[in-house]
Amino acid sequence: MFPPQRRTHASRPGIDGLSGRAVAEVARLEHSRNHLEPGDVILALDRWKQYVRGPGNRLWDECEWGDVHWYCCGNPLEGRALLDRVLLAMTPRSARELRAVLAEYDALWVPLSPLSWLTRHG
């Protein structure tokens, strides 16, 4: 019989900026809601983070025309919508923590019209 393995800090699932209580609540929601699976929230958050950190011209093109990678890897805009639904299901305290994490990334995303992009970069 193998001895029980200890979980190291690196192996614990978590979301930077959330308390253990909020992470546990996310895990409970992922297990109790039929539209969520374990890991959906952190995956949606990661997709949103990567998307908003991209260059502004790519953001407009992808919003306007779509992105072929979204079909296999997931649409970050749908992921952001999922995060809004999760926020509504959370307790006020945990939702506040997740909103603070999201606010950092949301501040990076400004929907650009072609005209506003040209005036910034033209």
Protein backbone atom coordinates (compact mmCIF):
# COMPACT_ATOMS: atom_id res chain seq x y z
CA MET A 1 0.00 0.00 0.00
CA PHE A 2 1.31 3.43 -0.93
CA PRO A 3 1.39 6.17 1.71
CA PRO A 4 -1.15 8.94 1.18
CA GLN A 5 0.19 11.74 -0.97
CA ARG A 6 0.24 15.22 0.42
CA ARG A 7 -1.07 17.97 -1.74
CA THR A 8 1.45 20.70 -2.26
CA HIS A 9 0.47 24.31 -2.69
CA ALA A 10 1.18 24.07 -6.43
CA SER A 11 -1.18 21.11 -6.85
CA ARG A 12 -4.15 22.78 -5.17
CA PRO A 13 -6.65 24.21 -7.59
CA GLY A 14 -7.26 27.87 -7.00
CA ILE A 15 -7.83 31.27 -8.49
CA ASP A 16 -5.38 34.05 -7.71
CA GLY A 17 -7.09 36.69 -5.64
CA LEU A 18 -9.78 34.41 -4.18
CA SER A 19 -9.85 33.16 -0.62
CA GLY A 20 -10.05 29.47 0.14
CA ARG A 21 -13.70 29.98 1.06
CA ALA A 22 -14.50 31.49 -2.36
CA VAL A 23 -12.58 28.75 -4.19
CA ALA A 24 -14.51 26.11 -2.21
CA GLU A 25 -17.76 27.83 -3.15
CA VAL A 26 -16.80 27.79 -6.83
CA ALA A 27 -16.04 24.07 -6.54
CA ARG A 28 -19.42 23.43 -4.89
CA LEU A 29 -21.20 25.34 -7.65
CA GLU A 30 -19.31 23.42 -10.34
CA HIS A 31 -20.45 20.16 -8.78
CA SER A 32 -24.03 21.17 -8.04
CA ARG A 33 -25.08 23.06 -11.18
CA ASN A 34 -26.00 21.09 -14.27
CA HIS A 35 -24.53 23.73 -16.63
CA LEU A 36 -21.10 23.60 -14.96
CA GLU A 37 -18.39 20.98 -14.77
CA PRO A 38 -15.37 20.91 -12.46
CA GLY A 39 -12.78 23.40 -13.72
CA ASP A 40 -15.20 25.44 -15.87
CA VAL A 41 -14.80 28.65 -13.86
CA ILE A 42 -11.00 28.73 -13.84
CA LEU A 43 -10.98 27.80 -17.55
CA ALA A 44 -13.44 30.61 -18.38
CA LEU A 45 -11.40 33.06 -16.30
CA ASP A 46 -8.17 31.98 -18.00
CA ARG A 47 -9.70 32.33 -21.48
CA TRP A 48 -11.00 35.79 -20.63
CA LYS A 49 -7.63 36.85 -19.18
CA GLN A 50 -5.71 35.67 -22.26
CA TYR A 51 -8.23 37.29 -24.59
CA VAL A 52 -8.25 40.76 -23.03
CA ARG A 53 -4.46 40.83 -22.80
CA GLY A 54 -4.23 40.39 -26.58
CA PRO A 55 -3.63 43.24 -29.01
CA GLY A 56 -6.57 45.60 -29.58
CA ASN A 57 -6.79 45.04 -33.32
CA ARG A 58 -7.18 41.30 -32.78
CA LEU A 59 -10.00 41.93 -30.33
CA TRP A 60 -11.99 43.85 -32.93
CA ASP A 61 -11.36 41.33 -35.71
CA GLU A 62 -12.39 38.43 -33.51
CA CYS A 63 -15.53 40.17 -32.26
CA GLU A 64 -16.51 41.09 -35.80
CA TRP A 65 -15.56 37.92 -37.69
CA GLY A 66 -15.09 35.24 -35.05
CA ASP A 67 -12.03 33.10 -34.52
CA VAL A 68 -11.53 29.54 -35.76
CA HIS A 69 -9.78 28.66 -32.48
CA TRP A 70 -12.97 29.46 -30.58
CA TYR A 71 -14.62 26.36 -32.07
CA CYS A 72 -12.08 24.01 -30.52
CA CYS A 73 -10.84 25.97 -27.52
CA GLY A 74 -13.90 27.92 -26.39
CA ASN A 75 -15.21 31.41 -26.92
CA PRO A 76 -13.82 33.85 -24.33
CA LEU A 77 -16.94 36.02 -24.60
CA GLU A 78 -19.12 33.03 -23.70
CA GLY A 79 -16.69 32.30 -20.88
CA ARG A 80 -17.16 35.83 -19.56
CA ALA A 81 -20.95 35.36 -19.71
CA LEU A 82 -20.56 32.12 -17.74
CA LEU A 83 -18.60 34.02 -15.09
CA ASP A 84 -21.51 36.48 -14.80
CA ARG A 85 -23.90 33.59 -14.17
CA VAL A 86 -21.55 32.17 -11.54
CA LEU A 87 -21.37 35.56 -9.82
CA LEU A 88 -25.16 35.57 -9.49
CA ALA A 89 -25.11 32.14 -7.83
CA MET A 90 -22.38 32.98 -5.32
CA THR A 91 -22.77 34.43 -1.86
CA PRO A 92 -22.22 38.21 -1.74
CA ARG A 93 -18.84 37.89 -0.03
CA SER A 94 -17.40 35.40 -2.52
CA ALA A 95 -18.96 37.20 -5.47
CA ARG A 96 -17.24 40.41 -4.35
CA GLU A 97 -13.88 38.61 -4.41
CA LEU A 98 -14.46 37.21 -7.90
CA ARG A 99 -15.71 40.60 -9.15
CA ALA A 100 -12.47 42.18 -7.93
CA VAL A 101 -10.45 39.62 -9.92
CA LEU A 102 -12.63 40.15 -12.99
CA ALA A 103 -12.44 43.95 -12.71
CA GLU A 104 -8.70 43.80 -13.42
CA TYR A 105 -9.30 41.97 -16.70
CA ASP A 106 -12.50 43.77 -17.63
CA ALA A 107 -10.61 47.07 -17.44
CA LEU A 108 -8.35 45.84 -20.23
CA TRP A 109 -11.24 45.06 -22.56
CA VAL A 110 -12.70 47.99 -24.38
CA PRO A 111 -14.87 47.00 -27.33
CA LEU A 112 -13.39 48.83 -30.25
CA SER A 113 -15.15 49.97 -33.35
CA PRO A 114 -13.04 50.15 -36.52
CA LEU A 115 -13.17 53.95 -36.39
CA SER A 116 -11.96 54.19 -32.78
CA TRP A 117 -9.14 51.73 -33.51
CA LEU A 118 -8.01 53.79 -36.51
CA THR A 119 -7.99 57.02 -34.52
CA ARG A 120 -5.83 55.38 -31.85
CA HIS A 121 -3.44 53.63 -34.25
CA GLY A 122 -3.92 55.43 -37.58
